[in-house]
């Protein structure tokens, strides 16, 4: 135990000699966010073909966020929550490699959506330029994050085309009932650089690496009608399927940059830009036909990118 006695001396010394302090600061952010989301299902064979996909483009939000941050004796604390509302964009829904037609039905939607991000971290602040007029501060950090996106596409879409013999043609309708929700959560690691060159400006840049669990669910309903060469109805096939994903060990990256201008002693304004990228592994999707209780499994993969730009107003206490 004697050889570890220096630890008990170092800990209180490091606490008493902290060189970086910043009072509690409250921040409000408001601005624009644009999301792109793409996910697909593949047949379970090793090189299975894509059977279904959804691609959301230009999901545009008005984003607002609240942040609390402080540095006390080198220990940095950061907590942030944001909400994106009035989400509007476009969706291309594709059914591929169907067994009754050589065609690929594609349906267009105008979905509505919202998103929410919550994350926080602890870090240790290191002043790389002690006793200088300017300051460069590095904050290695560890934390936890939660990201949610919910989408809703109302209405019914129809596609008609040629069918495989003995049918001559088909009509396919699709509905997306209920809410489609994707939730990512897990620990994060990264670092923040803060540069104070003197005067009224401050610059900040940061990066976080995420290890995430993914929870995803959606429903899709289809009705396929097959017709003969004479136009007679030959067969109707209806399906109401629920797709559910639950898995860990997925990855994400977040990077941001920011510039602040000190208005008064306690007030500052700034501009911030942020980009997030989420990517899943190839996962097993559980699919249940709720009309017949039939169960099946397919391979699932998703990618989600979010880019935002906000105006920041903050005050220290």
C-alpha atoms as a PDB file:
ATOM      1  CA  UNK A   1       0.000   0.000   0.000  1.00  0.00           C
ATOM      2  CA  UNK A   2       2.963   2.331   0.563  1.00  0.00           C
ATOM      3  CA  UNK A   3       3.854   2.490  -3.109  1.00  0.00           C
ATOM      4  CA  UNK A   4       0.362   3.779  -3.920  1.00  0.00           C
ATOM      5  CA  UNK A   5       0.437   6.474  -1.250  1.00  0.00           C
ATOM      6  CA  UNK A   6       1.332   9.091  -3.887  1.00  0.00           C
ATOM      7  CA  UNK A   7      -2.133   8.700  -5.426  1.00  0.00           C
ATOM      8  CA  UNK A   8      -3.816  10.041  -2.286  1.00  0.00           C
ATOM      9  CA  UNK A   9      -1.497  13.048  -2.425  1.00  0.00           C
ATOM     10  CA  UNK A  10      -1.993  13.722  -6.150  1.00  0.00           C
ATOM     11  CA  UNK A  11      -5.802  13.704  -6.150  1.00  0.00           C
ATOM     12  CA  UNK A  12      -6.370  16.584  -3.667  1.00  0.00           C
ATOM     13  CA  UNK A  13      -3.441  18.492  -5.193  1.00  0.00           C
ATOM     14  CA  UNK A  14      -4.988  18.331  -8.670  1.00  0.00           C
ATOM     15  CA  UNK A  15      -8.347  19.476  -7.309  1.00  0.00           C
ATOM     16  CA  UNK A  16      -6.892  22.466  -5.434  1.00  0.00           C
ATOM     17  CA  UNK A  17      -4.669  23.546  -8.333  1.00  0.00           C
ATOM     18  CA  UNK A  18      -7.237  23.554 -11.144  1.00  0.00           C
ATOM     19  CA  UNK A  19      -6.294  26.142 -13.743  1.00  0.00           C
ATOM     20  CA  UNK A  20      -9.470  26.342 -15.888  1.00  0.00           C
ATOM     21  CA  UNK A  21     -12.727  27.722 -14.512  1.00  0.00           C
ATOM     22  CA  UNK A  22     -15.845  28.954 -16.256  1.00  0.00           C
ATOM     23  CA  UNK A  23     -19.068  29.889 -14.449  1.00  0.00           C
ATOM     24  CA  UNK A  24     -22.342  28.165 -15.199  1.00  0.00           C
ATOM     25  CA  UNK A  25     -23.571  29.209 -18.645  1.00  0.00           C
ATOM     26  CA  UNK A  26     -27.037  28.864 -20.131  1.00  0.00           C
ATOM     27  CA  UNK A  27     -27.379  28.750 -23.928  1.00  0.00           C
ATOM     28  CA  UNK A  28     -30.327  28.925 -26.293  1.00  0.00           C
ATOM     29  CA  UNK A  29     -29.892  27.868 -29.926  1.00  0.00           C
ATOM     30  CA  UNK A  30     -32.314  28.258 -32.794  1.00  0.00           C
ATOM     31  CA  UNK A  31     -31.846  27.514 -36.471  1.00  0.00           C
ATOM     32  CA  UNK A  32     -32.189  25.153 -39.424  1.00  0.00           C
ATOM     33  CA  UNK A  33     -31.610  21.411 -39.674  1.00  0.00           C
ATOM     34  CA  UNK A  34     -31.663  19.112 -42.718  1.00  0.00           C
ATOM     35  CA  UNK A  35     -31.796  15.298 -42.391  1.00  0.00           C
ATOM     36  CA  UNK A  36     -31.343  12.462 -44.873  1.00  0.00           C
ATOM     37  CA  UNK A  37     -32.399   8.934 -43.911  1.00  0.00           C
ATOM     38  CA  UNK A  38     -32.053   5.763 -45.966  1.00  0.00           C
ATOM     39  CA  UNK A  39     -32.743   2.197 -44.906  1.00  0.00           C
ATOM     40  CA  UNK A  40     -33.403  -1.042 -46.751  1.00  0.00           C
ATOM     41  CA  UNK A  41     -34.216  -4.728 -46.320  1.00  0.00           C
ATOM     42  CA  UNK A  42     -32.437  -7.563 -48.120  1.00  0.00           C
ATOM     43  CA  UNK A  43     -33.311 -11.193 -48.566  1.00  0.00           C
ATOM     44  CA  UNK A  44     -31.412 -13.307 -46.001  1.00  0.00           C
ATOM     45  CA  UNK A  45     -29.115 -15.012 -48.556  1.00  0.00           C
ATOM     46  CA  UNK A  46     -25.413 -14.116 -48.392  1.00  0.00           C
ATOM     47  CA  UNK A  47     -25.767 -11.834 -51.413  1.00  0.00           C
ATOM     48  CA  UNK A  48     -29.468 -11.271 -51.160  1.00  0.00           C
ATOM     49  CA  UNK A  49     -31.185  -8.695 -53.326  1.00  0.00           C
ATOM     50  CA  UNK A  50     -32.790  -5.596 -51.863  1.00  0.00           C
ATOM     51  CA  UNK A  51     -36.489  -6.300 -51.376  1.00  0.00           C
ATOM     52  CA  UNK A  52     -37.628  -3.012 -49.843  1.00  0.00           C
ATOM     53  CA  UNK A  53     -36.200   0.455 -49.195  1.00  0.00           C
ATOM     54  CA  UNK A  54     -37.167   3.902 -47.951  1.00  0.00           C
ATOM     55  CA  UNK A  55     -35.177   7.035 -48.746  1.00  0.00           C
ATOM     56  CA  UNK A  56     -36.054  10.287 -46.989  1.00  0.00           C
ATOM     57  CA  UNK A  57     -34.519  13.445 -48.469  1.00  0.00           C
ATOM     58  CA  UNK A  58     -34.448  17.068 -47.318  1.00  0.00           C
ATOM     59  CA  UNK A  59     -36.251  16.558 -44.029  1.00  0.00           C
ATOM     60  CA  UNK A  60     -36.184  20.196 -42.962  1.00  0.00           C
ATOM     61  CA  UNK A  61     -36.701  21.306 -39.371  1.00  0.00           C
ATOM     62  CA  UNK A  62     -36.795  24.375 -37.213  1.00  0.00           C
ATOM     63  CA  UNK A  63     -34.450  23.308 -34.437  1.00  0.00           C
ATOM     64  CA  UNK A  64     -34.261  24.743 -30.910  1.00  0.00           C
ATOM     65  CA  UNK A  65     -31.874  23.663 -28.165  1.00  0.00           C
ATOM     66  CA  UNK A  66     -31.044  24.449 -24.535  1.00  0.00           C
ATOM     67  CA  UNK A  67     -27.575  23.857 -23.079  1.00  0.00           C
ATOM     68  CA  UNK A  68     -26.037  24.088 -19.618  1.00  0.00           C
ATOM     69  CA  UNK A  69     -22.246  24.047 -19.316  1.00  0.00           C
ATOM     70  CA  UNK A  70     -19.626  24.898 -16.716  1.00  0.00           C
ATOM     71  CA  UNK A  71     -15.972  24.268 -15.854  1.00  0.00           C
ATOM     72  CA  UNK A  72     -15.006  24.053 -12.181  1.00  0.00           C
ATOM     73  CA  UNK A  73     -11.384  23.355 -11.219  1.00  0.00           C
ATOM     74  CA  UNK A  74     -10.726  21.814 -14.640  1.00  0.00           C
ATOM     75  CA  UNK A  75     -13.810  19.560 -14.548  1.00  0.00           C
ATOM     76  CA  UNK A  76     -16.104  20.338 -17.498  1.00  0.00           C
ATOM     77  CA  UNK A  77     -19.837  19.528 -17.415  1.00  0.00           C
ATOM     78  CA  UNK A  78     -22.073  19.792 -20.488  1.00  0.00           C
ATOM     79  CA  UNK A  79     -25.789  18.927 -20.903  1.00  0.00           C
ATOM     80  CA  UNK A  80     -27.780  19.654 -24.067  1.00  0.00           C
ATOM     81  CA  UNK A  81     -31.275  18.917 -25.329  1.00  0.00           C
ATOM     82  CA  UNK A  82     -32.735  19.852 -28.722  1.00  0.00           C
ATOM     83  CA  UNK A  83     -36.009  19.465 -30.584  1.00  0.00           C
ATOM     84  CA  UNK A  84     -36.638  19.776 -34.318  1.00  0.00           C
ATOM     85  CA  UNK A  85     -40.222  20.593 -35.278  1.00  0.00           C
ATOM     86  CA  UNK A  86     -42.312  21.192 -38.419  1.00  0.00           C
ATOM     87  CA  UNK A  87     -40.323  18.553 -40.296  1.00  0.00           C
ATOM     88  CA  UNK A  88     -41.203  18.289 -43.996  1.00  0.00           C
ATOM     89  CA  UNK A  89     -39.461  16.435 -46.804  1.00  0.00           C
ATOM     90  CA  UNK A  90     -39.848  13.706 -49.422  1.00  0.00           C
ATOM     91  CA  UNK A  91     -39.915   9.915 -49.280  1.00  0.00           C
ATOM     92  CA  UNK A  92     -39.291   7.375 -52.042  1.00  0.00           C
ATOM     93  CA  UNK A  93     -40.655   3.944 -51.098  1.00  0.00           C
ATOM     94  CA  UNK A  94     -39.481   1.063 -53.276  1.00  0.00           C
ATOM     95  CA  UNK A  95     -40.553  -2.586 -53.533  1.00  0.00           C
ATOM     96  CA  UNK A  96     -38.034  -4.650 -55.530  1.00  0.00           C
ATOM     97  CA  UNK A  97     -37.633  -8.237 -56.775  1.00  0.00           C
ATOM     98  CA  UNK A  98     -41.318  -9.102 -56.410  1.00  0.00           C
ATOM     99  CA  UNK A  99     -42.418 -12.576 -57.483  1.00  0.00           C
ATOM    100  CA  UNK A 100     -45.416 -11.424 -59.547  1.00  0.00           C
ATOM    101  CA  UNK A 101     -43.902  -8.682 -61.740  1.00  0.00           C
ATOM    102  CA  UNK A 102     -40.616  -7.745 -63.432  1.00  0.00           C
ATOM    103  CA  UNK A 103     -41.243  -4.096 -62.520  1.00  0.00           C
ATOM    104  CA  UNK A 104     -40.105  -2.178 -59.406  1.00  0.00           C
ATOM    105  CA  UNK A 105     -42.997  -0.228 -57.860  1.00  0.00           C
ATOM    106  CA  UNK A 106     -41.889   3.144 -56.482  1.00  0.00           C
ATOM    107  CA  UNK A 107     -44.184   5.349 -54.389  1.00  0.00           C
ATOM    108  CA  UNK A 108     -43.672   9.025 -53.486  1.00  0.00           C
ATOM    109  CA  UNK A 109     -44.738  10.574 -50.176  1.00  0.00           C
ATOM    110  CA  UNK A 110     -44.564  13.930 -48.395  1.00  0.00           C
ATOM    111  CA  UNK A 111     -43.913  12.888 -44.789  1.00  0.00           C
ATOM    112  CA  UNK A 112     -44.096  14.980 -41.635  1.00  0.00           C
ATOM    113  CA  UNK A 113     -41.626  14.384 -38.821  1.00  0.00           C
ATOM    114  CA  UNK A 114     -39.879  15.565 -35.679  1.00  0.00           C
ATOM    115  CA  UNK A 115     -36.578  14.783 -34.009  1.00  0.00           C
ATOM    116  CA  UNK A 116     -35.003  15.114 -30.588  1.00  0.00           C
ATOM    117  CA  UNK A 117     -31.371  14.897 -29.423  1.00  0.00           C
ATOM    118  CA  UNK A 118     -30.181  14.736 -25.818  1.00  0.00           C
ATOM    119  CA  UNK A 119     -26.604  14.275 -24.721  1.00  0.00           C
ATOM    120  CA  UNK A 120     -24.160  15.213 -22.008  1.00  0.00           C
ATOM    121  CA  UNK A 121     -20.548  14.682 -21.026  1.00  0.00           C
ATOM    122  CA  UNK A 122     -17.902  15.101 -18.360  1.00  0.00           C
ATOM    123  CA  UNK A 123     -14.424  16.215 -19.336  1.00  0.00           C
ATOM    124  CA  UNK A 124     -11.090  17.332 -17.942  1.00  0.00           C
ATOM    125  CA  UNK A 125      -9.949  20.762 -19.156  1.00  0.00           C
ATOM    126  CA  UNK A 126      -6.281  21.290 -19.988  1.00  0.00           C
ATOM    127  CA  UNK A 127      -4.944  24.797 -20.629  1.00  0.00           C
ATOM    128  CA  UNK A 128      -2.267  24.307 -23.281  1.00  0.00           C
ATOM    129  CA  UNK A 129      -1.110  27.938 -23.112  1.00  0.00           C
ATOM    130  CA  UNK A 130      -0.814  28.741 -19.404  1.00  0.00           C
ATOM    131  CA  UNK A 131       0.432  32.253 -18.525  1.00  0.00           C
ATOM    132  CA  UNK A 132      -0.278  33.530 -22.041  1.00  0.00           C
ATOM    133  CA  UNK A 133      -2.564  36.358 -23.142  1.00  0.00           C
ATOM    134  CA  UNK A 134      -4.388  33.937 -25.436  1.00  0.00           C
ATOM    135  CA  UNK A 135      -5.707  30.524 -24.346  1.00  0.00           C
ATOM    136  CA  UNK A 136      -6.039  27.165 -26.056  1.00  0.00           C
ATOM    137  CA  UNK A 137      -8.043  24.685 -23.984  1.00  0.00           C
ATOM    138  CA  UNK A 138      -8.378  20.964 -24.718  1.00  0.00           C
ATOM    139  CA  UNK A 139     -11.211  18.972 -23.109  1.00  0.00           C
ATOM    140  CA  UNK A 140     -11.099  15.165 -23.546  1.00  0.00           C
ATOM    141  CA  UNK A 141     -14.600  13.968 -22.651  1.00  0.00           C
ATOM    142  CA  UNK A 142     -16.850  10.962 -22.116  1.00  0.00           C
ATOM    143  CA  UNK A 143     -20.635  11.015 -22.083  1.00  0.00           C
ATOM    144  CA  UNK A 144     -23.931   9.550 -23.244  1.00  0.00           C
ATOM    145  CA  UNK A 145     -26.329  10.471 -26.039  1.00  0.00           C
ATOM    146  CA  UNK A 146     -29.877   9.814 -27.249  1.00  0.00           C
ATOM    147  CA  UNK A 147     -31.198  10.620 -30.754  1.00  0.00           C
ATOM    148  CA  UNK A 148     -34.793  10.067 -31.910  1.00  0.00           C
ATOM    149  CA  UNK A 149     -36.488  10.621 -35.266  1.00  0.00           C
ATOM    150  CA  UNK A 150     -40.199   9.982 -35.813  1.00  0.00           C
ATOM    151  CA  UNK A 151     -41.845  10.067 -39.254  1.00  0.00           C
ATOM    152  CA  UNK A 152     -45.439   9.935 -40.411  1.00  0.00           C
ATOM    153  CA  UNK A 153     -46.713   9.448 -43.982  1.00  0.00           C
ATOM    154  CA  UNK A 154     -50.481   9.703 -44.413  1.00  0.00           C
ATOM    155  CA  UNK A 155     -52.627   8.555 -47.304  1.00  0.00           C
ATOM    156  CA  UNK A 156     -52.614   5.761 -49.877  1.00  0.00           C
ATOM    157  CA  UNK A 157     -50.510   5.304 -53.025  1.00  0.00           C
ATOM    158  CA  UNK A 158     -51.225   3.127 -56.095  1.00  0.00           C
ATOM    159  CA  UNK A 159     -48.986   1.605 -58.784  1.00  0.00           C
ATOM    160  CA  UNK A 160     -50.052  -0.389 -61.856  1.00  0.00           C
ATOM    161  CA  UNK A 161     -47.951  -2.436 -64.253  1.00  0.00           C
ATOM    162  CA  UNK A 162     -47.452  -5.687 -66.120  1.00  0.00           C
ATOM    163  CA  UNK A 163     -47.489  -9.006 -64.281  1.00  0.00           C
ATOM    164  CA  UNK A 164     -45.838 -12.385 -64.770  1.00  0.00           C
ATOM    165  CA  UNK A 165     -47.837 -15.122 -66.563  1.00  0.00           C
ATOM    166  CA  UNK A 166     -50.535 -16.329 -66.061  1.00  0.00           C
ATOM    167  CA  UNK A 167     -51.597 -12.830 -64.931  1.00  0.00           C
ATOM    168  CA  UNK A 168     -51.404  -9.983 -67.451  1.00  0.00           C
ATOM    169  CA  UNK A 169     -51.351  -6.918 -65.177  1.00  0.00           C
ATOM    170  CA  UNK A 170     -51.465  -5.928 -61.535  1.00  0.00           C
ATOM    171  CA  UNK A 171     -52.446  -3.059 -59.275  1.00  0.00           C
ATOM    172  CA  UNK A 172     -50.606  -2.453 -55.999  1.00  0.00           C
ATOM    173  CA  UNK A 173     -51.635  -0.083 -53.215  1.00  0.00           C
ATOM    174  CA  UNK A 174     -49.512   0.762 -50.192  1.00  0.00           C
ATOM    175  CA  UNK A 175     -50.177   2.466 -46.874  1.00  0.00           C
ATOM    176  CA  UNK A 176     -47.773   3.404 -44.067  1.00  0.00           C
ATOM    177  CA  UNK A 177     -49.991   3.168 -40.981  1.00  0.00           C
ATOM    178  CA  UNK A 178     -48.834   4.369 -37.603  1.00  0.00           C
ATOM    179  CA  UNK A 179     -45.558   6.078 -36.770  1.00  0.00           C
ATOM    180  CA  UNK A 180     -42.101   5.122 -38.007  1.00  0.00           C
ATOM    181  CA  UNK A 181     -39.583   5.670 -35.209  1.00  0.00           C
ATOM    182  CA  UNK A 182     -35.814   5.306 -35.070  1.00  0.00           C
ATOM    183  CA  UNK A 183     -33.963   5.657 -31.760  1.00  0.00           C
ATOM    184  CA  UNK A 184     -30.172   5.601 -31.268  1.00  0.00           C
ATOM    185  CA  UNK A 185     -28.580   5.735 -27.800  1.00  0.00           C
ATOM    186  CA  UNK A 186     -25.275   4.897 -26.176  1.00  0.00           C
ATOM    187  CA  UNK A 187     -21.914   6.179 -24.838  1.00  0.00           C
ATOM    188  CA  UNK A 188     -19.745   8.708 -26.629  1.00  0.00           C
ATOM    189  CA  UNK A 189     -16.074   9.695 -26.500  1.00  0.00           C
ATOM    190  CA  UNK A 190     -14.294  12.670 -27.968  1.00  0.00           C
ATOM    191  CA  UNK A 191     -12.713  16.037 -27.384  1.00  0.00           C
ATOM    192  CA  UNK A 192     -13.288  19.792 -27.578  1.00  0.00           C
ATOM    193  CA  UNK A 193     -10.854  22.575 -28.500  1.00  0.00           C
ATOM    194  CA  UNK A 194     -11.583  26.106 -27.236  1.00  0.00           C
ATOM    195  CA  UNK A 195      -9.460  28.988 -28.555  1.00  0.00           C
ATOM    196  CA  UNK A 196      -9.584  32.423 -26.920  1.00  0.00           C
ATOM    197  CA  UNK A 197      -7.272  34.683 -28.971  1.00  0.00           C
ATOM    198  CA  UNK A 198      -8.017  37.733 -26.842  1.00  0.00           C
ATOM    199  CA  UNK A 199     -10.566  40.445 -27.389  1.00  0.00           C
ATOM    200  CA  UNK A 200     -14.220  39.542 -27.820  1.00  0.00           C
ATOM    201  CA  UNK A 201     -14.017  36.382 -29.937  1.00  0.00           C
ATOM    202  CA  UNK A 202     -13.915  32.720 -28.927  1.00  0.00           C
ATOM    203  CA  UNK A 203     -13.673  29.691 -31.225  1.00  0.00           C
ATOM    204  CA  UNK A 204     -14.700  26.110 -30.501  1.00  0.00           C
ATOM    205  CA  UNK A 205     -14.412  22.832 -32.426  1.00  0.00           C
ATOM    206  CA  UNK A 206     -15.332  19.348 -31.265  1.00  0.00           C
ATOM    207  CA  UNK A 207     -15.734  15.730 -32.274  1.00  0.00           C
ATOM    208  CA  UNK A 208     -17.563  12.775 -30.677  1.00  0.00           C
ATOM    209  CA  UNK A 209     -17.465   9.082 -31.540  1.00  0.00           C
ATOM    210  CA  UNK A 210     -20.585   7.097 -30.563  1.00  0.00           C
ATOM    211  CA  UNK A 211     -21.200   3.404 -29.848  1.00  0.00           C
ATOM    212  CA  UNK A 212     -24.935   3.028 -30.179  1.00  0.00           C
ATOM    213  CA  UNK A 213     -27.886   0.753 -29.634  1.00  0.00           C
ATOM    214  CA  UNK A 214     -30.591   1.005 -32.294  1.00  0.00           C
ATOM    215  CA  UNK A 215     -34.331   0.601 -31.795  1.00  0.00           C
ATOM    216  CA  UNK A 216     -36.513   0.824 -34.912  1.00  0.00           C
ATOM    217  CA  UNK A 217     -40.117   0.008 -35.728  1.00  0.00           C
ATOM    218  CA  UNK A 218     -42.541   0.631 -38.574  1.00  0.00           C
ATOM    219  CA  UNK A 219     -45.611  -0.824 -40.279  1.00  0.00           C
ATOM    220  CA  UNK A 220     -46.415  -1.238 -43.963  1.00  0.00           C
ATOM    221  CA  UNK A 221     -49.652  -2.399 -45.561  1.00  0.00           C
ATOM    222  CA  UNK A 222     -49.978  -3.597 -49.153  1.00  0.00           C
ATOM    223  CA  UNK A 223     -52.758  -4.903 -51.374  1.00  0.00           C
ATOM    224  CA  UNK A 224     -51.917  -6.571 -54.697  1.00  0.00           C
ATOM    225  CA  UNK A 225     -54.608  -7.350 -57.269  1.00  0.00           C
ATOM    226  CA  UNK A 226     -53.744  -9.562 -60.284  1.00  0.00           C
ATOM    227  CA  UNK A 227     -55.753  -9.350 -63.529  1.00  0.00           C
ATOM    228  CA  UNK A 228     -56.053 -11.582 -66.579  1.00  0.00           C
ATOM    229  CA  UNK A 229     -55.657 -10.472 -70.192  1.00  0.00           C
ATOM    230  CA  UNK A 230     -59.420  -9.864 -70.300  1.00  0.00           C
ATOM    231  CA  UNK A 231     -59.254  -7.608 -67.240  1.00  0.00           C
ATOM    232  CA  UNK A 232     -60.847 -10.141 -64.915  1.00  0.00           C
ATOM    233  CA  UNK A 233     -59.683 -10.168 -61.291  1.00  0.00           C
ATOM    234  CA  UNK A 234     -57.704 -13.347 -60.648  1.00  0.00           C
ATOM    235  CA  UNK A 235     -56.267 -12.923 -57.148  1.00  0.00           C
ATOM    236  CA  UNK A 236     -55.988 -10.490 -54.226  1.00  0.00           C
ATOM    237  CA  UNK A 237     -53.147 -10.605 -51.722  1.00  0.00           C
ATOM    238  CA  UNK A 238     -53.158  -8.333 -48.661  1.00  0.00           C
ATOM    239  CA  UNK A 239     -50.370  -7.962 -46.080  1.00  0.00           C
ATOM    240  CA  UNK A 240     -49.997  -5.865 -42.944  1.00  0.00           C
ATOM    241  CA  UNK A 241     -46.402  -6.206 -41.792  1.00  0.00           C
ATOM    242  CA  UNK A 242     -44.588  -4.915 -38.738  1.00  0.00           C
ATOM    243  CA  UNK A 243     -40.812  -4.448 -38.993  1.00  0.00           C
ATOM    244  CA  UNK A 244     -38.856  -4.330 -35.739  1.00  0.00           C
ATOM    245  CA  UNK A 245     -35.117  -3.876 -35.047  1.00  0.00           C
ATOM    246  CA  UNK A 246     -33.291  -4.136 -31.727  1.00  0.00           C
ATOM    247  CA  UNK A 247     -29.496  -4.253 -31.757  1.00  0.00           C
ATOM    248  CA  UNK A 248     -26.308  -2.743 -30.306  1.00  0.00           C
ATOM    249  CA  UNK A 249     -22.764  -2.043 -31.546  1.00  0.00           C
ATOM    250  CA  UNK A 250     -23.659   0.558 -34.172  1.00  0.00           C
ATOM    251  CA  UNK A 251     -21.513   3.609 -34.895  1.00  0.00           C
ATOM    252  CA  UNK A 252     -21.979   7.356 -35.228  1.00  0.00           C
ATOM    253  CA  UNK A 253     -19.829  10.459 -35.577  1.00  0.00           C
ATOM    254  CA  UNK A 254     -20.592  14.044 -34.564  1.00  0.00           C
ATOM    255  CA  UNK A 255     -18.509  17.103 -35.405  1.00  0.00           C
ATOM    256  CA  UNK A 256     -19.166  20.777 -34.762  1.00  0.00           C
ATOM    257  CA  UNK A 257     -17.625  24.220 -35.041  1.00  0.00           C
ATOM    258  CA  UNK A 258     -18.597  27.474 -33.379  1.00  0.00           C
ATOM    259  CA  UNK A 259     -17.635  31.133 -33.003  1.00  0.00           C
ATOM    260  CA  UNK A 260     -18.814  33.377 -30.123  1.00  0.00           C
ATOM    261  CA  UNK A 261     -18.754  37.151 -29.712  1.00  0.00           C
ATOM    262  CA  UNK A 262     -18.761  38.649 -26.199  1.00  0.00           C
ATOM    263  CA  UNK A 263     -21.371  41.405 -26.029  1.00  0.00           C
ATOM    264  CA  UNK A 264     -21.115  42.285 -22.346  1.00  0.00           C
ATOM    265  CA  UNK A 265     -19.638  40.726 -19.227  1.00  0.00           C
ATOM    266  CA  UNK A 266     -22.319  38.004 -19.017  1.00  0.00           C
ATOM    267  CA  UNK A 267     -23.816  37.886 -22.509  1.00  0.00           C
ATOM    268  CA  UNK A 268     -22.519  36.511 -25.799  1.00  0.00           C
ATOM    269  CA  UNK A 269     -23.889  35.596 -29.222  1.00  0.00           C
ATOM    270  CA  UNK A 270     -22.574  33.093 -31.712  1.00  0.00           C
ATOM    271  CA  UNK A 271     -23.023  30.860 -34.743  1.00  0.00           C
ATOM    272  CA  UNK A 272     -22.666  27.079 -34.704  1.00  0.00           C
ATOM    273  CA  UNK A 273     -22.713  24.359 -37.352  1.00  0.00           C
ATOM    274  CA  UNK A 274     -22.941  20.630 -36.680  1.00  0.00           C
ATOM    275  CA  UNK A 275     -22.954  17.431 -38.724  1.00  0.00           C
ATOM    276  CA  UNK A 276     -23.990  13.973 -37.482  1.00  0.00           C
ATOM    277  CA  UNK A 277     -23.669  10.636 -39.249  1.00  0.00           C
ATOM    278  CA  UNK A 278     -25.273   7.418 -37.958  1.00  0.00           C
ATOM    279  CA  UNK A 279     -24.720   4.029 -39.564  1.00  0.00           C
ATOM    280  CA  UNK A 280     -25.971   0.606 -38.548  1.00  0.00           C
ATOM    281  CA  UNK A 281     -24.344  -2.748 -39.040  1.00  0.00           C
ATOM    282  CA  UNK A 282     -26.139  -5.328 -41.180  1.00  0.00           C
ATOM    283  CA  UNK A 283     -28.810  -6.394 -38.713  1.00  0.00           C
ATOM    284  CA  UNK A 284     -31.532  -9.025 -38.501  1.00  0.00           C
ATOM    285  CA  UNK A 285     -34.994  -7.519 -38.913  1.00  0.00           C
ATOM    286  CA  UNK A 286     -37.969  -9.348 -37.405  1.00  0.00           C
ATOM    287  CA  UNK A 287     -40.988  -9.087 -39.736  1.00  0.00           C
ATOM    288  CA  UNK A 288     -44.462 -10.163 -38.700  1.00  0.00           C
ATOM    289  CA  UNK A 289     -47.513 -10.330 -40.968  1.00  0.00           C
ATOM    290  CA  UNK A 290     -50.193  -9.267 -38.502  1.00  0.00           C
ATOM    291  CA  UNK A 291     -52.950 -10.518 -40.796  1.00  0.00           C
ATOM    292  CA  UNK A 292     -51.734 -14.142 -40.681  1.00  0.00           C
ATOM    293  CA  UNK A 293     -49.202 -14.098 -37.754  1.00  0.00           C
ATOM    294  CA  UNK A 294     -46.572 -15.315 -40.233  1.00  0.00           C
ATOM    295  CA  UNK A 295     -43.007 -14.416 -39.163  1.00  0.00           C
ATOM    296  CA  UNK A 296     -39.897 -13.963 -41.270  1.00  0.00           C
ATOM    297  CA  UNK A 297     -36.471 -12.372 -41.101  1.00  0.00           C
ATOM    298  CA  UNK A 298     -34.518 -10.123 -43.469  1.00  0.00           C
ATOM    299  CA  UNK A 299     -31.278  -8.151 -43.362  1.00  0.00           C
ATOM    300  CA  UNK A 300     -31.529  -4.470 -42.400  1.00  0.00           C
ATOM    301  CA  UNK A 301     -29.139  -1.551 -42.829  1.00  0.00           C
ATOM    302  CA  UNK A 302     -29.670   2.168 -42.156  1.00  0.00           C
ATOM    303  CA  UNK A 303     -27.826   5.461 -42.657  1.00  0.00           C
ATOM    304  CA  UNK A 304     -28.857   8.797 -41.168  1.00  0.00           C
ATOM    305  CA  UNK A 305     -27.159  12.163 -41.740  1.00  0.00           C
ATOM    306  CA  UNK A 306     -28.117  15.438 -40.035  1.00  0.00           C
ATOM    307  CA  UNK A 307     -26.654  18.880 -40.805  1.00  0.00           C
ATOM    308  CA  UNK A 308     -27.638  21.952 -38.805  1.00  0.00           C
ATOM    309  CA  UNK A 309     -26.775  25.627 -38.476  1.00  0.00           C
ATOM    310  CA  UNK A 310     -27.920  27.680 -35.486  1.00  0.00           C
ATOM    311  CA  UNK A 311     -27.754  31.122 -33.876  1.00  0.00           C
ATOM    312  CA  UNK A 312     -26.649  31.004 -30.225  1.00  0.00           C
ATOM    313  CA  UNK A 313     -27.498  33.344 -27.366  1.00  0.00           C
ATOM    314  CA  UNK A 314     -25.854  32.606 -24.012  1.00  0.00           C
ATOM    315  CA  UNK A 315     -25.496  34.080 -20.531  1.00  0.00           C
ATOM    316  CA  UNK A 316     -23.234  33.239 -17.617  1.00  0.00           C
ATOM    317  CA  UNK A 317     -24.391  33.264 -13.977  1.00  0.00           C
END
